[in-house]
PDB file of N, CA and C in Angstrom:
ATOM      1  N   MET A   1     126.423 135.256  64.909  1.00  0.00           N
ATOM      2  CA  MET A   1     125.996 133.567  65.414  1.00  0.00           C
ATOM      3  C   MET A   1     126.529 132.609  64.164  1.00  0.00           C
ATOM      4  N   THR A   2     126.906 131.513  65.355  1.00  0.00           N
ATOM      5  CA  THR A   2     128.136 130.536  64.635  1.00  0.00           C
ATOM      6  C   THR A   2     126.813 129.175  65.197  1.00  0.00           C
ATOM      7  N   ILE A   3     126.704 128.139  64.449  1.00  0.00           N
ATOM      8  CA  ILE A   3     125.818 127.055  64.819  1.00  0.00           C
ATOM      9  C   ILE A   3     127.454 126.455  65.097  1.00  0.00           C
ATOM     10  N   LEU A   4     127.144 125.609  66.465  1.00  0.00           N
ATOM     11  CA  LEU A   4     128.542 125.179  66.731  1.00  0.00           C
ATOM     12  C   LEU A   4     128.291 123.574  66.328  1.00  0.00           C
ATOM     13  N   GLN A   5     127.035 122.912  66.695  1.00  0.00           N
ATOM     14  CA  GLN A   5     126.247 121.637  66.644  1.00  0.00           C
ATOM     15  C   GLN A   5     124.846 121.505  66.236  1.00  0.00           C
ATOM     16  N   GLN A   6     124.887 120.576  65.391  1.00  0.00           N
ATOM     17  CA  GLN A   6     123.516 120.622  65.236  1.00  0.00           C
ATOM     18  C   GLN A   6     122.796 119.003  64.685  1.00  0.00           C
ATOM     19  N   THR A   7     122.105 118.385  65.618  1.00  0.00           N
ATOM     20  CA  THR A   7     121.371 117.084  65.589  1.00  0.00           C
ATOM     21  C   THR A   7     120.387 116.879  65.116  1.00  0.00           C
ATOM     22  N   TYR A   8     120.086 116.076  63.961  1.00  0.00           N
ATOM     23  CA  TYR A   8     118.285 116.179  63.520  1.00  0.00           C
ATOM     24  C   TYR A   8     118.199 114.362  63.937  1.00  0.00           C
ATOM     25  N   LEU A   9     116.879 114.407  64.477  1.00  0.00           N
ATOM     26  CA  LEU A   9     116.179 113.156  65.186  1.00  0.00           C
ATOM     27  C   LEU A   9     114.898 112.932  64.672  1.00  0.00           C
ATOM     28  N   GLU A  10     114.472 111.594  64.259  1.00  0.00           N
ATOM     29  CA  GLU A  10     113.266 111.117  63.850  1.00  0.00           C
ATOM     30  C   GLU A  10     113.196 109.996  64.771  1.00  0.00           C
ATOM     31  N   ALA A  11     111.573 109.741  65.146  1.00  0.00           N
ATOM     32  CA  ALA A  11     111.243 109.070  65.618  1.00  0.00           C
ATOM     33  C   ALA A  11     110.085 107.905  64.790  1.00  0.00           C
ATOM     34  N   ASP A  12     110.032 106.806  65.322  1.00  0.00           N
ATOM     35  CA  ASP A  12     109.168 105.701  63.995  1.00  0.00           C
ATOM     36  C   ASP A  12     107.784 106.029  64.660  1.00  0.00           C
ATOM     37  N   SER A  13     107.182 107.203  64.537  1.00  0.00           N
ATOM     38  CA  SER A  13     105.655 107.211  65.025  1.00  0.00           C
ATOM     39  C   SER A  13     104.985 107.254  63.845  1.00  0.00           C
ATOM     40  N   PRO A  14     103.193 107.142  64.181  1.00  0.00           N
ATOM     41  CA  PRO A  14     102.690 107.531  62.676  1.00  0.00           C
ATOM     42  C   PRO A  14     102.292 109.165  62.300  1.00  0.00           C
ATOM     43  N   GLY A  15     103.100 110.101  63.017  1.00  0.00           N
ATOM     44  CA  GLY A  15     103.034 111.416  62.467  1.00  0.00           C
ATOM     45  C   GLY A  15     104.418 111.726  62.324  1.00  0.00           C
ATOM     46  N   HIS A  16     105.198 111.106  61.944  1.00  0.00           N
ATOM     47  CA  HIS A  16     106.381 111.157  61.618  1.00  0.00           C
ATOM     48  C   HIS A  16     107.281 111.885  62.289  1.00  0.00           C
ATOM     49  N   ALA A  17     107.353 111.985  63.821  1.00  0.00           N
ATOM     50  CA  ALA A  17     107.872 112.900  64.610  1.00  0.00           C
ATOM     51  C   ALA A  17     109.238 113.426  64.645  1.00  0.00           C
ATOM     52  N   TRP A  18     110.114 114.689  64.348  1.00  0.00           N
ATOM     53  CA  TRP A  18     111.291 115.034  64.447  1.00  0.00           C
ATOM     54  C   TRP A  18     111.440 115.966  65.373  1.00  0.00           C
ATOM     55  N   TYR A  19     112.826 116.117  65.497  1.00  0.00           N
ATOM     56  CA  TYR A  19     113.435 116.828  66.704  1.00  0.00           C
ATOM     57  C   TYR A  19     114.663 117.418  66.362  1.00  0.00           C
ATOM     58  N   ARG A  20     115.143 118.746  66.015  1.00  0.00           N
ATOM     59  CA  ARG A  20     116.697 119.306  65.800  1.00  0.00           C
ATOM     60  C   ARG A  20     116.943 119.894  67.128  1.00  0.00           C
ATOM     61  N   LEU A  21     117.941 119.737  67.294  1.00  0.00           N
ATOM     62  CA  LEU A  21     118.506 120.469  68.348  1.00  0.00           C
ATOM     63  C   LEU A  21     119.829 121.186  68.009  1.00  0.00           C
ATOM     64  N   GLN A  22     120.320 122.505  68.004  1.00  0.00           N
ATOM     65  CA  GLN A  22     121.393 123.234  68.008  1.00  0.00           C
ATOM     66  C   GLN A  22     121.952 124.093  68.787  1.00  0.00           C
ATOM     67  N   LEU A  23     123.291 123.769  68.733  1.00  0.00           N
ATOM     68  CA  LEU A  23     124.362 124.617  69.801  1.00  0.00           C
ATOM     69  C   LEU A  23     124.466 126.087  69.138  1.00  0.00           C
ATOM     70  N   ILE A  24     124.158 127.200  69.096  1.00  0.00           N
ATOM     71  CA  ILE A  24     124.700 128.142  68.964  1.00  0.00           C
ATOM     72  C   ILE A  24     125.555 129.009  69.896  1.00  0.00           C
ATOM     73  N   GLN A  25     126.274 129.640  68.856  1.00  0.00           N
ATOM     74  CA  GLN A  25     127.341 130.724  69.706  1.00  0.00           C
ATOM     75  C   GLN A  25     127.085 132.210  69.156  1.00  0.00           C
ATOM     76  N   LEU A  26     126.629 132.877  70.529  1.00  0.00           N
ATOM     77  CA  LEU A  26     126.412 134.269  69.807  1.00  0.00           C
ATOM     78  C   LEU A  26     127.394 134.903  70.627  1.00  0.00           C
ATOM     79  N   ALA A  27     127.660 136.530  70.272  1.00  0.00           N
ATOM     80  CA  ALA A  27     128.543 137.088  70.720  1.00  0.00           C
ATOM     81  C   ALA A  27     128.266 137.374  72.455  1.00  0.00           C
ATOM     82  N   GLU A  28     127.313 137.220  73.176  1.00  0.00           N
ATOM     83  CA  GLU A  28     127.012 137.338  74.051  1.00  0.00           C
ATOM     84  C   GLU A  28     127.273 136.114  75.171  1.00  0.00           C
ATOM     85  N   GLY A  29     127.001 134.667  74.036  1.00  0.00           N
ATOM     86  CA  GLY A  29     127.010 133.516  75.186  1.00  0.00           C
ATOM     87  C   GLY A  29     126.424 132.344  73.946  1.00  0.00           C
ATOM     88  N   PHE A  30     125.805 131.433  74.721  1.00  0.00           N
ATOM     89  CA  PHE A  30     125.822 130.122  73.841  1.00  0.00           C
ATOM     90  C   PHE A  30     124.131 129.931  74.098  1.00  0.00           C
ATOM     91  N   VAL A  31     123.292 129.649  72.864  1.00  0.00           N
ATOM     92  CA  VAL A  31     122.133 129.121  73.103  1.00  0.00           C
ATOM     93  C   VAL A  31     121.723 127.567  72.713  1.00  0.00           C
ATOM     94  N   ILE A  32     121.404 127.020  73.055  1.00  0.00           N
ATOM     95  CA  ILE A  32     120.714 125.723  72.689  1.00  0.00           C
ATOM     96  C   ILE A  32     119.298 125.978  71.996  1.00  0.00           C
ATOM     97  N   GLU A  33     118.827 125.592  71.065  1.00  0.00           N
ATOM     98  CA  GLU A  33     117.861 125.440  70.523  1.00  0.00           C
ATOM     99  C   GLU A  33     117.230 124.316  69.826  1.00  0.00           C
ATOM    100  N   LYS A  34     115.808 124.254  70.072  1.00  0.00           N
ATOM    101  CA  LYS A  34     115.332 122.935  70.042  1.00  0.00           C
ATOM    102  C   LYS A  34     113.868 123.350  68.971  1.00  0.00           C
ATOM    103  N   HIS A  35     113.793 122.703  67.724  1.00  0.00           N
ATOM    104  CA  HIS A  35     112.263 123.012  67.043  1.00  0.00           C
ATOM    105  C   HIS A  35     111.976 121.173  67.181  1.00  0.00           C
ATOM    106  N   SER A  36     110.873 121.229  67.132  1.00  0.00           N
ATOM    107  CA  SER A  36     110.189 119.790  67.269  1.00  0.00           C
ATOM    108  C   SER A  36     108.706 120.099  66.467  1.00  0.00           C
ATOM    109  N   GLY A  37     108.412 118.866  66.057  1.00  0.00           N
ATOM    110  CA  GLY A  37     106.979 118.592  65.174  1.00  0.00           C
ATOM    111  C   GLY A  37     106.941 117.657  64.896  1.00  0.00           C
ATOM    112  N   CYS A  38     105.700 117.380  63.770  1.00  0.00           N
ATOM    113  CA  CYS A  38     105.551 115.819  63.124  1.00  0.00           C
ATOM    114  C   CYS A  38     104.868 116.523  61.714  1.00  0.00           C
ATOM    115  N   ARG A  39     104.484 115.470  60.962  1.00  0.00           N
ATOM    116  CA  ARG A  39     103.885 115.727  59.373  1.00  0.00           C
ATOM    117  C   ARG A  39     102.808 116.678  59.770  1.00  0.00           C
ATOM    118  N   GLY A  40     102.797 117.710  58.769  1.00  0.00           N
ATOM    119  CA  GLY A  40     101.126 117.974  58.731  1.00  0.00           C
ATOM    120  C   GLY A  40     101.155 119.267  59.851  1.00  0.00           C
ATOM    121  N   ARG A  41     102.289 119.477  61.107  1.00  0.00           N
ATOM    122  CA  ARG A  41     101.825 120.420  62.033  1.00  0.00           C
ATOM    123  C   ARG A  41     103.192 121.841  61.892  1.00  0.00           C
ATOM    124  N   LYS A  42     102.984 122.734  62.504  1.00  0.00           N
ATOM    125  CA  LYS A  42     103.866 123.563  62.608  1.00  0.00           C
ATOM    126  C   LYS A  42     104.813 123.166  63.589  1.00  0.00           C
ATOM    127  N   ALA A  43     105.988 123.748  63.583  1.00  0.00           N
ATOM    128  CA  ALA A  43     107.132 123.536  64.448  1.00  0.00           C
ATOM    129  C   ALA A  43     106.856 123.988  65.642  1.00  0.00           C
ATOM    130  N   HIS A  44     107.251 123.430  66.541  1.00  0.00           N
ATOM    131  CA  HIS A  44     107.463 124.277  68.194  1.00  0.00           C
ATOM    132  C   HIS A  44     108.984 124.334  68.394  1.00  0.00           C
ATOM    133  N   THR A  45     109.241 125.728  68.694  1.00  0.00           N
ATOM    134  CA  THR A  45     110.514 126.295  68.936  1.00  0.00           C
ATOM    135  C   THR A  45     110.768 126.402  70.373  1.00  0.00           C
ATOM    136  N   GLU A  46     111.798 125.920  71.394  1.00  0.00           N
ATOM    137  CA  GLU A  46     112.178 126.267  72.652  1.00  0.00           C
ATOM    138  C   GLU A  46     113.667 126.617  72.738  1.00  0.00           C
ATOM    139  N   ALA A  47     114.041 127.874  73.628  1.00  0.00           N
ATOM    140  CA  ALA A  47     115.646 128.131  73.696  1.00  0.00           C
ATOM    141  C   ALA A  47     115.986 128.077  74.774  1.00  0.00           C
ATOM    142  N   TRP A  48     117.698 128.000  75.040  1.00  0.00           N
ATOM    143  CA  TRP A  48     118.024 128.117  76.433  1.00  0.00           C
ATOM    144  C   TRP A  48     119.140 129.034  76.353  1.00  0.00           C
ATOM    145  N   PHE A  49     119.479 129.787  77.290  1.00  0.00           N
ATOM    146  CA  PHE A  49     120.955 130.481  77.093  1.00  0.00           C
ATOM    147  C   PHE A  49     121.600 130.683  78.328  1.00  0.00           C
ATOM    148  N   ARG A  50     122.871 130.100  78.139  1.00  0.00           N
ATOM    149  CA  ARG A  50     123.842 129.768  78.857  1.00  0.00           C
ATOM    150  C   ARG A  50     125.123 130.578  78.311  1.00  0.00           C
ATOM    151  N   TRP A  51     125.576 131.356  79.643  1.00  0.00           N
ATOM    152  CA  TRP A  51     126.870 132.215  79.571  1.00  0.00           C
ATOM    153  C   TRP A  51     127.924 131.645  79.145  1.00  0.00           C
ATOM    154  N   ASP A  52     128.341 130.097  79.408  1.00  0.00           N
ATOM    155  CA  ASP A  52     129.559 129.711  79.029  1.00  0.00           C
ATOM    156  C   ASP A  52     129.382 128.932  77.984  1.00  0.00           C
ATOM    157  N   LYS A  53     130.309 127.840  77.312  1.00  0.00           N
ATOM    158  CA  LYS A  53     130.404 126.883  76.577  1.00  0.00           C
ATOM    159  C   LYS A  53     130.069 125.617  77.240  1.00  0.00           C
ATOM    160  N   ALA A  54     130.790 125.602  78.446  1.00  0.00           N
ATOM    161  CA  ALA A  54     130.455 124.167  79.199  1.00  0.00           C
ATOM    162  C   ALA A  54     129.269 123.672  79.611  1.00  0.00           C
ATOM    163  N   ALA A  55     128.543 124.864  80.091  1.00  0.00           N
ATOM    164  CA  ALA A  55     127.327 124.852  80.401  1.00  0.00           C
ATOM    165  C   ALA A  55     126.187 124.695  79.682  1.00  0.00           C
ATOM    166  N   ALA A  56     126.396 125.369  78.424  1.00  0.00           N
ATOM    167  CA  ALA A  56     125.656 125.005  77.250  1.00  0.00           C
ATOM    168  C   ALA A  56     125.961 123.428  76.576  1.00  0.00           C
ATOM    169  N   ARG A  57     126.977 123.097  76.502  1.00  0.00           N
ATOM    170  CA  ARG A  57     127.363 121.471  76.075  1.00  0.00           C
ATOM    171  C   ARG A  57     126.299 120.418  77.100  1.00  0.00           C
ATOM    172  N   LYS A  58     126.548 120.600  78.479  1.00  0.00           N
ATOM    173  CA  LYS A  58     125.714 119.864  79.183  1.00  0.00           C
ATOM    174  C   LYS A  58     124.304 120.012  79.267  1.00  0.00           C
ATOM    175  N   VAL A  59     123.453 121.127  78.720  1.00  0.00           N
ATOM    176  CA  VAL A  59     122.290 121.025  78.786  1.00  0.00           C
ATOM    177  C   VAL A  59     122.122 120.458  77.229  1.00  0.00           C
ATOM    178  N   TYR A  60     122.610 120.709  76.206  1.00  0.00           N
ATOM    179  CA  TYR A  60     122.107 120.217  74.836  1.00  0.00           C
ATOM    180  C   TYR A  60     122.903 118.554  74.976  1.00  0.00           C
ATOM    181  N   ASP A  61     123.775 118.029  75.689  1.00  0.00           N
ATOM    182  CA  ASP A  61     123.787 116.983  75.745  1.00  0.00           C
ATOM    183  C   ASP A  61     122.690 116.334  76.623  1.00  0.00           C
ATOM    184  N   ARG A  62     122.395 116.462  77.671  1.00  0.00           N
ATOM    185  CA  ARG A  62     121.310 116.019  78.170  1.00  0.00           C
ATOM    186  C   ARG A  62     119.947 115.917  77.607  1.00  0.00           C
ATOM    187  N   ILE A  63     119.509 116.879  76.862  1.00  0.00           N
ATOM    188  CA  ILE A  63     118.518 116.932  75.886  1.00  0.00           C
ATOM    189  C   ILE A  63     118.655 115.696  75.264  1.00  0.00           C
ATOM    190  N   LEU A  64     119.819 115.746  74.327  1.00  0.00           N
ATOM    191  CA  LEU A  64     120.010 114.767  73.134  1.00  0.00           C
ATOM    192  C   LEU A  64     120.167 113.115  73.830  1.00  0.00           C
ATOM    193  N   ARG A  65     120.545 113.364  75.022  1.00  0.00           N
ATOM    194  CA  ARG A  65     120.626 111.801  75.794  1.00  0.00           C
ATOM    195  C   ARG A  65     119.285 111.391  76.184  1.00  0.00           C
ATOM    196  N   ASN A  66     118.364 112.313  76.520  1.00  0.00           N
ATOM    197  CA  ASN A  66     117.130 111.934  77.018  1.00  0.00           C
ATOM    198  C   ASN A  66     116.270 111.270  75.786  1.00  0.00           C
ATOM    199  N   LYS A  67     116.051 112.135  74.460  1.00  0.00           N
ATOM    200  CA  LYS A  67     115.465 112.040  73.469  1.00  0.00           C
ATOM    201  C   LYS A  67     115.927 110.641  73.087  1.00  0.00           C
ATOM    202  N   THR A  68     117.154 110.020  73.070  1.00  0.00           N
ATOM    203  CA  THR A  68     117.566 108.847  72.437  1.00  0.00           C
ATOM    204  C   THR A  68     117.700 107.781  73.176  1.00  0.00           C
ATOM    205  N   LYS A  69     117.388 108.137  74.531  1.00  0.00           N
ATOM    206  CA  LYS A  69     117.535 106.691  75.514  1.00  0.00           C
ATOM    207  C   LYS A  69     116.420 105.585  75.486  1.00  0.00           C
ATOM    208  N   ASP A  70     116.821 104.003  75.641  1.00  0.00           N
ATOM    209  CA  ASP A  70     115.503 103.383  75.524  1.00  0.00           C
ATOM    210  C   ASP A  70     114.960 103.374  76.770  1.00  0.00           C
ATOM    211  N   GLY A  71     113.781 102.898  76.215  1.00  0.00           N
ATOM    212  CA  GLY A  71     112.458 102.836  77.472  1.00  0.00           C
ATOM    213  C   GLY A  71     111.649 103.759  77.590  1.00  0.00           C
ATOM    214  N   ARG A  72     111.782 105.104  76.394  1.00  0.00           N
ATOM    215  CA  ARG A  72     111.024 106.266  76.217  1.00  0.00           C
ATOM    216  C   ARG A  72     109.821 105.498  75.650  1.00  0.00           C
ATOM    217  N   ARG A  73     108.495 106.573  75.674  1.00  0.00           N
ATOM    218  CA  ARG A  73     107.410 105.920  75.002  1.00  0.00           C
ATOM    219  C   ARG A  73     107.706 106.261  73.666  1.00  0.00           C
ATOM    220  N   ARG A  74     108.361 107.381  72.783  1.00  0.00           N
ATOM    221  CA  ARG A  74     108.768 107.568  71.735  1.00  0.00           C
ATOM    222  C   ARG A  74     110.740 108.211  71.412  1.00  0.00           C
ATOM    223  N   VAL A  75     111.123 106.866  71.441  1.00  0.00           N
ATOM    224  CA  VAL A  75     112.580 107.007  70.971  1.00  0.00           C
ATOM    225  C   VAL A  75     113.424 107.542  69.800  1.00  0.00           C
ATOM    226  N   TYR A  76     113.795 108.612  69.960  1.00  0.00           N
ATOM    227  CA  TYR A  76     114.127 109.086  68.781  1.00  0.00           C
ATOM    228  C   TYR A  76     115.633 108.355  68.693  1.00  0.00           C
ATOM    229  N   ARG A  77     115.842 108.486  66.730  1.00  0.00           N
ATOM    230  CA  ARG A  77     117.449 108.275  66.364  1.00  0.00           C
ATOM    231  C   ARG A  77     117.747 109.202  65.579  1.00  0.00           C
ATOM    232  N   GLU A  78     119.179 109.094  65.795  1.00  0.00           N
ATOM    233  CA  GLU A  78     119.894 110.478  64.748  1.00  0.00           C
ATOM    234  C   GLU A  78     119.795 110.078  63.356  1.00  0.00           C
ATOM    235  N   VAL A  79     119.748 111.101  62.532  1.00  0.00           N
ATOM    236  CA  VAL A  79     119.552 110.974  60.811  1.00  0.00           C
ATOM    237  C   VAL A  79     119.902 112.008  60.190  1.00  0.00           C
ATOM    238  N   PRO A  80     120.499 111.990  59.018  1.00  0.00           N
ATOM    239  CA  PRO A  80     121.208 113.313  58.509  1.00  0.00           C
ATOM    240  C   PRO A  80     119.905 114.054  58.368  1.00  0.00           C
ATOM    241  N   SER A  81     120.198 115.079  58.366  1.00  0.00           N
ATOM    242  CA  SER A  81     119.012 116.218  58.403  1.00  0.00           C
ATOM    243  C   SER A  81     118.537 116.565  56.561  1.00  0.00           C
ATOM    244  N   PRO A  82     117.352 117.012  56.632  1.00  0.00           N
ATOM    245  CA  PRO A  82     116.586 117.120  55.233  1.00  0.00           C
ATOM    246  C   PRO A  82     117.327 117.775  54.485  1.00  0.00           C
ATOM    247  N   ALA A  83     118.051 119.010  55.273  1.00  0.00           N
ATOM    248  CA  ALA A  83     118.823 119.866  54.036  1.00  0.00           C
ATOM    249  C   ALA A  83     119.967 118.789  53.503  1.00  0.00           C
ATOM    250  N   GLN A  84     120.498 118.310  54.572  1.00  0.00           N
ATOM    251  CA  GLN A  84     121.883 117.377  53.822  1.00  0.00           C
ATOM    252  C   GLN A  84     121.378 116.711  52.913  1.00  0.00           C
ATOM    253  N   LEU A  85     120.478 115.924  53.041  1.00  0.00           N
ATOM    254  CA  LEU A  85     119.482 114.905  52.286  1.00  0.00           C
ATOM    255  C   LEU A  85     119.760 115.676  50.837  1.00  0.00           C
ATOM    256  N   GLU A  86     119.243 117.189  50.775  1.00  0.00           N
ATOM    257  CA  GLU A  86     118.876 117.492  49.546  1.00  0.00           C
ATOM    258  C   GLU A  86     120.138 117.715  48.684  1.00  0.00           C
ATOM    259  N   LEU A  87     121.396 117.658  49.414  1.00  0.00           N
ATOM    260  CA  LEU A  87     122.550 118.113  48.831  1.00  0.00           C
ATOM    261  C   LEU A  87     122.708 116.999  47.865  1.00  0.00           C
ATOM    262  N   PHE A  88     122.393 115.557  47.860  1.00  0.00           N
ATOM    263  CA  PHE A  88     122.544 114.344  47.296  1.00  0.00           C
ATOM    264  C   PHE A  88     121.686 114.040  46.137  1.00  0.00           C
ATOM    265  N   SER A  89     120.087 115.210  46.138  1.00  0.00           N
ATOM    266  CA  SER A  89     119.232 114.636  45.292  1.00  0.00           C
ATOM    267  C   SER A  89     119.388 115.404  43.792  1.00  0.00           C
TER     268      SER A  89
END
């Protein structure tokens, strides 16, 4: 298993909503995995499988575009992941 891309998003919301999207390469194909949640709650996880990288990339990009587009009720913005921030603490 190899993580090809990962994006961490946060929203300006009272519950501090967050969203992590990963594009993962497996021996059998590719998985787009999302984890989402807010402070004080258990994360929600979903995953989608695609046989080829182009199809997986298309799903990944569509989800990311949808979460960050203006006009949504909750607009997310890309931020460094908490794990990346811990490297500088």
